[in-house]
Amino acid sequence: MSEVPDGLYYTKEHEWMRVEGDTVTIGITDHAQEMLTDIVYIELPQEGDVVDDMGEFAVVESVKSASPIFAPLSGTITGVNMDLEDAPELMNTSPYGDGWIVKMTLDNPDAVSALMDAAAYKSEIGE
C-alpha cells in the first residue's frame, strides 16, 4: 500500500500539495513514484515561472516512461528543488520529504479546498 500522509492535498494526477502560509510545496505521491519505478531524470521549471491550473511545469523520466507533472492550481513558482538535478531518485526514496519538486505562491489560496484530502485520494487509488 502507498503512503498517503494526512494534512496534504492530492490530485487525480498523483501530485501532493502541502500548504505553509502563503506558500505551497508540490511533489509526486508515493503511489506515483511506485508506478514510475526508478526515476532517472527530471526537467525542472525556473523560479518565477507562472503556471496555469493543471499546467505542465515539469517532466519526470523513469526507466519506464516520461510523465508530465501538472500544477494542481495556478500560481507562480517561488522555489525549485535543485537537489533533484543530481539526485532525481529522491522522488522515489522521499516523495513527501527531500523529493519535493517546487514551491509556489497560489493565485487563489482558497482553491486548495477543492483538492482531495488523504482519505479521498486513498479511495481514488483504490487503497
N, C-alpha and C. Protein backbone atom coordinates (compact mmCIF):
# COMPACT_ATOMS: atom_id res chain seq x y z
N MET A 1 0.83 -1.20 0.00
CA MET A 1 0.00 0.00 0.00
C MET A 1 0.87 1.25 0.00
N SER A 2 0.40 2.25 -0.67
CA SER A 2 1.11 3.51 -0.78
C SER A 2 0.99 4.32 0.50
N GLU A 3 2.02 5.10 0.76
CA GLU A 3 1.98 6.05 1.87
C GLU A 3 1.17 7.26 1.41
N VAL A 4 0.16 7.65 2.20
CA VAL A 4 -0.68 8.80 1.89
C VAL A 4 -0.84 9.61 3.17
N PRO A 5 0.10 10.55 3.44
CA PRO A 5 0.03 11.30 4.70
C PRO A 5 -1.20 12.19 4.79
N ASP A 6 -1.74 12.28 6.00
CA ASP A 6 -2.80 13.25 6.28
C ASP A 6 -2.21 14.65 6.27
N GLY A 7 -3.08 15.64 6.10
CA GLY A 7 -2.64 17.03 6.16
C GLY A 7 -2.13 17.59 4.84
N LEU A 8 -2.15 16.77 3.79
CA LEU A 8 -1.76 17.23 2.45
C LEU A 8 -2.99 17.21 1.56
N TYR A 9 -2.87 17.88 0.42
CA TYR A 9 -3.92 17.84 -0.60
C TYR A 9 -3.39 17.04 -1.78
N TYR A 10 -4.30 16.38 -2.51
CA TYR A 10 -3.91 15.47 -3.58
C TYR A 10 -4.73 15.73 -4.84
N THR A 11 -4.14 15.34 -5.99
CA THR A 11 -4.84 15.46 -7.27
C THR A 11 -5.01 14.08 -7.90
N LYS A 12 -5.91 13.99 -8.87
CA LYS A 12 -6.11 12.75 -9.62
C LYS A 12 -4.87 12.41 -10.44
N GLU A 13 -4.03 13.40 -10.71
CA GLU A 13 -2.80 13.20 -11.48
C GLU A 13 -1.63 12.78 -10.59
N HIS A 14 -1.91 12.54 -9.31
CA HIS A 14 -0.95 11.99 -8.34
C HIS A 14 0.12 12.99 -7.90
N GLU A 15 -0.28 14.25 -7.79
CA GLU A 15 0.58 15.23 -7.14
C GLU A 15 0.03 15.50 -5.74
N TRP A 16 0.92 15.88 -4.84
CA TRP A 16 0.51 16.29 -3.49
C TRP A 16 0.89 17.75 -3.31
N MET A 17 0.21 18.40 -2.36
CA MET A 17 0.47 19.80 -2.07
C MET A 17 0.37 20.02 -0.57
N ARG A 18 1.42 20.63 -0.02
CA ARG A 18 1.46 20.98 1.40
C ARG A 18 1.34 22.50 1.50
N VAL A 19 0.37 22.97 2.26
CA VAL A 19 0.14 24.41 2.43
C VAL A 19 0.92 24.89 3.65
N GLU A 20 1.75 25.91 3.45
CA GLU A 20 2.55 26.50 4.51
C GLU A 20 2.43 28.02 4.41
N GLY A 21 1.41 28.56 5.07
CA GLY A 21 1.17 30.01 4.97
C GLY A 21 0.73 30.36 3.57
N ASP A 22 1.43 31.31 2.93
CA ASP A 22 1.10 31.73 1.57
C ASP A 22 1.76 30.86 0.51
N THR A 23 2.57 29.91 0.94
CA THR A 23 3.34 29.08 0.02
C THR A 23 2.83 27.64 0.05
N VAL A 24 2.87 26.99 -1.11
CA VAL A 24 2.57 25.56 -1.17
C VAL A 24 3.78 24.84 -1.74
N THR A 25 4.02 23.64 -1.24
CA THR A 25 5.07 22.77 -1.75
C THR A 25 4.39 21.65 -2.51
N ILE A 26 4.94 21.30 -3.68
CA ILE A 26 4.32 20.31 -4.55
C ILE A 26 5.32 19.22 -4.89
N GLY A 27 4.83 17.98 -4.92
CA GLY A 27 5.64 16.85 -5.34
C GLY A 27 4.74 15.77 -5.90
N ILE A 28 5.33 14.62 -6.22
CA ILE A 28 4.53 13.49 -6.67
C ILE A 28 4.29 12.55 -5.49
N THR A 29 3.19 11.83 -5.55
CA THR A 29 2.83 10.95 -4.44
C THR A 29 3.66 9.67 -4.45
N ASP A 30 3.62 8.98 -3.33
CA ASP A 30 4.26 7.68 -3.21
C ASP A 30 3.70 6.73 -4.27
N HIS A 31 2.39 6.78 -4.48
CA HIS A 31 1.75 5.95 -5.49
C HIS A 31 2.35 6.24 -6.88
N ALA A 32 2.53 7.53 -7.19
CA ALA A 32 3.08 7.91 -8.50
C ALA A 32 4.49 7.38 -8.68
N GLN A 33 5.32 7.53 -7.65
CA GLN A 33 6.71 7.07 -7.80
C GLN A 33 6.78 5.55 -7.91
N GLU A 34 5.85 4.85 -7.25
CA GLU A 34 5.80 3.39 -7.38
C GLU A 34 5.43 2.99 -8.81
N MET A 35 4.50 3.72 -9.42
CA MET A 35 4.09 3.43 -10.79
C MET A 35 5.20 3.75 -11.79
N LEU A 36 5.94 4.82 -11.53
CA LEU A 36 7.03 5.21 -12.43
C LEU A 36 8.23 4.27 -12.31
N THR A 37 8.43 3.69 -11.18
CA THR A 37 9.61 2.90 -10.79
C THR A 37 10.81 3.83 -10.68
N ASP A 38 11.98 3.42 -11.09
CA ASP A 38 13.21 4.19 -10.83
C ASP A 38 13.25 5.48 -11.64
N ILE A 39 13.19 6.61 -10.94
CA ILE A 39 13.24 7.92 -11.59
C ILE A 39 14.70 8.26 -11.85
N VAL A 40 14.99 8.62 -13.11
CA VAL A 40 16.38 8.86 -13.52
C VAL A 40 16.66 10.30 -13.91
N TYR A 41 15.61 11.10 -14.15
CA TYR A 41 15.82 12.49 -14.59
C TYR A 41 14.54 13.28 -14.36
N ILE A 42 14.70 14.58 -14.09
CA ILE A 42 13.55 15.48 -14.05
C ILE A 42 13.94 16.78 -14.74
N GLU A 43 13.05 17.22 -15.60
CA GLU A 43 13.19 18.53 -16.24
C GLU A 43 12.46 19.52 -15.35
N LEU A 44 13.24 20.39 -14.69
CA LEU A 44 12.68 21.31 -13.70
C LEU A 44 12.29 22.65 -14.32
N PRO A 45 11.32 23.33 -13.74
CA PRO A 45 10.97 24.68 -14.18
C PRO A 45 11.95 25.70 -13.58
N GLN A 46 11.72 26.95 -13.87
CA GLN A 46 12.53 28.05 -13.33
C GLN A 46 11.74 28.80 -12.26
N GLU A 47 12.46 29.32 -11.26
CA GLU A 47 11.79 30.22 -10.31
C GLU A 47 11.24 31.39 -11.10
N GLY A 48 10.04 31.83 -10.73
CA GLY A 48 9.40 32.94 -11.41
C GLY A 48 8.46 32.51 -12.53
N ASP A 49 8.52 31.22 -12.93
CA ASP A 49 7.59 30.73 -13.94
C ASP A 49 6.16 30.84 -13.41
N VAL A 50 5.26 31.24 -14.27
CA VAL A 50 3.84 31.32 -13.93
C VAL A 50 3.17 30.12 -14.58
N VAL A 51 2.40 29.37 -13.79
CA VAL A 51 1.72 28.19 -14.31
C VAL A 51 0.22 28.32 -14.11
N ASP A 52 -0.50 27.76 -15.07
CA ASP A 52 -1.96 27.76 -15.00
C ASP A 52 -2.43 26.54 -14.23
N ASP A 53 -3.66 26.58 -13.79
CA ASP A 53 -4.32 25.44 -13.16
C ASP A 53 -4.20 24.25 -14.10
N MET A 54 -3.58 23.17 -13.65
CA MET A 54 -3.33 21.95 -14.40
C MET A 54 -2.34 22.15 -15.55
N GLY A 55 -1.54 23.23 -15.47
CA GLY A 55 -0.49 23.46 -16.46
C GLY A 55 0.72 22.59 -16.16
N GLU A 56 1.34 22.06 -17.21
CA GLU A 56 2.53 21.23 -17.04
C GLU A 56 3.70 22.11 -16.62
N PHE A 57 4.41 21.72 -15.56
CA PHE A 57 5.55 22.52 -15.13
C PHE A 57 6.85 21.72 -15.05
N ALA A 58 6.79 20.42 -15.16
CA ALA A 58 7.99 19.59 -15.11
C ALA A 58 7.71 18.27 -15.84
N VAL A 59 8.80 17.57 -16.17
CA VAL A 59 8.68 16.24 -16.76
C VAL A 59 9.61 15.31 -16.00
N VAL A 60 9.05 14.20 -15.52
CA VAL A 60 9.83 13.20 -14.80
C VAL A 60 10.06 12.02 -15.73
N GLU A 61 11.32 11.59 -15.81
CA GLU A 61 11.65 10.42 -16.62
C GLU A 61 12.09 9.30 -15.71
N SER A 62 11.53 8.12 -15.99
CA SER A 62 11.91 6.93 -15.24
C SER A 62 12.44 5.90 -16.24
N VAL A 63 12.84 4.76 -15.74
CA VAL A 63 13.29 3.70 -16.63
C VAL A 63 12.14 3.19 -17.49
N LYS A 64 10.89 3.49 -17.09
CA LYS A 64 9.71 3.02 -17.82
C LYS A 64 9.16 4.04 -18.80
N SER A 65 9.14 5.33 -18.41
CA SER A 65 8.44 6.32 -19.22
C SER A 65 8.81 7.74 -18.81
N ALA A 66 8.30 8.69 -19.58
CA ALA A 66 8.39 10.10 -19.22
C ALA A 66 6.97 10.57 -18.90
N SER A 67 6.82 11.29 -17.80
CA SER A 67 5.50 11.73 -17.37
C SER A 67 5.50 13.21 -17.03
N PRO A 68 4.52 13.95 -17.55
CA PRO A 68 4.42 15.36 -17.19
C PRO A 68 3.93 15.50 -15.74
N ILE A 69 4.35 16.58 -15.10
CA ILE A 69 3.89 16.94 -13.76
C ILE A 69 3.08 18.22 -13.91
N PHE A 70 1.88 18.22 -13.35
CA PHE A 70 0.95 19.33 -13.51
C PHE A 70 0.81 20.11 -12.22
N ALA A 71 0.65 21.42 -12.35
CA ALA A 71 0.38 22.28 -11.20
C ALA A 71 -1.07 22.05 -10.77
N PRO A 72 -1.29 21.69 -9.50
CA PRO A 72 -2.67 21.48 -9.05
C PRO A 72 -3.53 22.74 -9.16
N LEU A 73 -2.88 23.90 -9.01
CA LEU A 73 -3.58 25.18 -9.06
C LEU A 73 -2.66 26.21 -9.73
N SER A 74 -3.22 27.32 -10.15
CA SER A 74 -2.41 28.34 -10.82
C SER A 74 -1.64 29.18 -9.80
N GLY A 75 -0.47 29.64 -10.24
CA GLY A 75 0.36 30.47 -9.37
C GLY A 75 1.74 30.69 -9.96
N THR A 76 2.63 31.17 -9.11
CA THR A 76 4.00 31.48 -9.51
C THR A 76 4.97 30.61 -8.74
N ILE A 77 5.90 30.01 -9.45
CA ILE A 77 6.91 29.15 -8.81
C ILE A 77 7.91 30.04 -8.09
N THR A 78 8.05 29.80 -6.80
CA THR A 78 8.95 30.61 -5.96
C THR A 78 10.17 29.85 -5.48
N GLY A 79 10.19 28.54 -5.68
CA GLY A 79 11.34 27.73 -5.27
C GLY A 79 11.37 26.45 -6.07
N VAL A 80 12.57 26.00 -6.41
CA VAL A 80 12.76 24.78 -7.18
C VAL A 80 13.77 23.91 -6.44
N ASN A 81 13.47 22.63 -6.28
CA ASN A 81 14.36 21.71 -5.57
C ASN A 81 15.50 21.29 -6.50
N MET A 82 16.57 22.08 -6.50
CA MET A 82 17.70 21.83 -7.40
C MET A 82 18.45 20.55 -7.04
N ASP A 83 18.25 20.01 -5.83
CA ASP A 83 18.88 18.74 -5.46
C ASP A 83 18.45 17.62 -6.41
N LEU A 84 17.26 17.77 -7.02
CA LEU A 84 16.75 16.73 -7.91
C LEU A 84 17.56 16.62 -9.20
N GLU A 85 18.28 17.69 -9.57
CA GLU A 85 19.11 17.60 -10.78
C GLU A 85 20.16 16.51 -10.65
N ASP A 86 20.80 16.44 -9.50
CA ASP A 86 21.85 15.44 -9.28
C ASP A 86 21.33 14.17 -8.63
N ALA A 87 20.16 14.24 -8.01
CA ALA A 87 19.62 13.07 -7.30
C ALA A 87 18.10 12.95 -7.53
N PRO A 88 17.68 12.70 -8.79
CA PRO A 88 16.24 12.58 -9.05
C PRO A 88 15.59 11.43 -8.29
N GLU A 89 16.41 10.47 -7.85
CA GLU A 89 15.87 9.34 -7.10
C GLU A 89 15.31 9.74 -5.75
N LEU A 90 15.54 10.98 -5.31
CA LEU A 90 14.91 11.47 -4.07
C LEU A 90 13.39 11.40 -4.17
N MET A 91 12.86 11.50 -5.39
CA MET A 91 11.41 11.39 -5.57
C MET A 91 10.94 9.97 -5.28
N ASN A 92 11.83 8.98 -5.43
CA ASN A 92 11.50 7.60 -5.08
C ASN A 92 11.67 7.36 -3.59
N THR A 93 12.77 7.81 -3.04
CA THR A 93 13.12 7.48 -1.66
C THR A 93 12.42 8.36 -0.63
N SER A 94 12.05 9.59 -1.02
CA SER A 94 11.45 10.53 -0.07
C SER A 94 10.45 11.43 -0.79
N PRO A 95 9.36 10.85 -1.34
CA PRO A 95 8.45 11.66 -2.15
C PRO A 95 7.79 12.82 -1.40
N TYR A 96 7.59 12.67 -0.07
CA TYR A 96 6.94 13.74 0.70
C TYR A 96 7.95 14.58 1.49
N GLY A 97 9.22 14.27 1.36
CA GLY A 97 10.26 15.00 2.09
C GLY A 97 11.24 15.62 1.13
N ASP A 98 12.45 15.04 1.05
CA ASP A 98 13.51 15.60 0.22
C ASP A 98 13.19 15.57 -1.27
N GLY A 99 12.18 14.81 -1.68
CA GLY A 99 11.84 14.69 -3.09
C GLY A 99 10.81 15.69 -3.59
N TRP A 100 10.52 16.73 -2.81
CA TRP A 100 9.58 17.76 -3.28
C TRP A 100 10.13 18.38 -4.57
N ILE A 101 9.24 18.95 -5.39
CA ILE A 101 9.68 19.48 -6.68
C ILE A 101 9.73 21.01 -6.69
N VAL A 102 8.63 21.67 -6.36
CA VAL A 102 8.59 23.13 -6.38
C VAL A 102 7.82 23.69 -5.19
N LYS A 103 8.06 24.97 -4.95
CA LYS A 103 7.24 25.76 -4.05
C LYS A 103 6.57 26.84 -4.90
N MET A 104 5.33 27.15 -4.56
CA MET A 104 4.56 28.13 -5.33
C MET A 104 3.78 29.06 -4.42
N THR A 105 3.50 30.24 -4.95
CA THR A 105 2.52 31.14 -4.38
C THR A 105 1.29 31.03 -5.27
N LEU A 106 0.16 30.71 -4.68
CA LEU A 106 -1.06 30.49 -5.46
C LEU A 106 -1.76 31.79 -5.80
N ASP A 107 -2.38 31.81 -6.98
CA ASP A 107 -3.21 32.96 -7.36
C ASP A 107 -4.44 33.05 -6.46
N ASN A 108 -5.01 31.88 -6.12
CA ASN A 108 -6.20 31.83 -5.27
C ASN A 108 -6.00 30.77 -4.20
N PRO A 109 -5.44 31.15 -3.03
CA PRO A 109 -5.15 30.17 -1.99
C PRO A 109 -6.38 29.38 -1.51
N ASP A 110 -7.57 29.95 -1.63
CA ASP A 110 -8.78 29.24 -1.18
C ASP A 110 -9.11 28.05 -2.08
N ALA A 111 -8.52 27.99 -3.26
CA ALA A 111 -8.84 26.92 -4.21
C ALA A 111 -8.35 25.55 -3.74
N VAL A 112 -7.45 25.51 -2.75
CA VAL A 112 -6.96 24.21 -2.27
C VAL A 112 -8.10 23.36 -1.70
N SER A 113 -9.14 24.01 -1.24
CA SER A 113 -10.26 23.27 -0.65
C SER A 113 -10.95 22.36 -1.66
N ALA A 114 -10.74 22.59 -2.97
CA ALA A 114 -11.35 21.76 -4.00
C ALA A 114 -10.55 20.49 -4.27
N LEU A 115 -9.33 20.39 -3.71
CA LEU A 115 -8.50 19.21 -3.93
C LEU A 115 -8.87 18.10 -2.95
N MET A 116 -8.37 16.89 -3.21
CA MET A 116 -8.68 15.75 -2.35
C MET A 116 -7.85 15.76 -1.07
N ASP A 117 -8.46 15.27 0.02
CA ASP A 117 -7.69 15.01 1.24
C ASP A 117 -7.16 13.58 1.16
N ALA A 118 -6.45 13.14 2.19
CA ALA A 118 -5.82 11.81 2.17
C ALA A 118 -6.85 10.69 1.98
N ALA A 119 -7.97 10.76 2.67
CA ALA A 119 -8.99 9.71 2.56
C ALA A 119 -9.54 9.62 1.15
N ALA A 120 -9.81 10.76 0.54
CA ALA A 120 -10.36 10.78 -0.82
C ALA A 120 -9.32 10.26 -1.82
N TYR A 121 -8.05 10.61 -1.61
CA TYR A 121 -7.01 10.14 -2.51
C TYR A 121 -6.81 8.62 -2.38
N LYS A 122 -6.85 8.11 -1.15
CA LYS A 122 -6.76 6.65 -0.97
C LYS A 122 -7.88 5.94 -1.73
N SER A 123 -9.07 6.50 -1.67
CA SER A 123 -10.20 5.94 -2.40
C SER A 123 -9.94 6.02 -3.91
N GLU A 124 -9.40 7.13 -4.36
CA GLU A 124 -9.10 7.35 -5.78
C GLU A 124 -8.14 6.28 -6.32
N ILE A 125 -7.14 5.91 -5.52
CA ILE A 125 -6.15 4.93 -5.99
C ILE A 125 -6.50 3.51 -5.57
N GLY A 126 -7.67 3.34 -4.95
CA GLY A 126 -8.15 2.01 -4.62
C GLY A 126 -7.48 1.39 -3.41
N GLU A 127 -7.09 2.21 -2.44
CA GLU A 127 -6.45 1.69 -1.24
C GLU A 127 -7.24 2.02 0.00
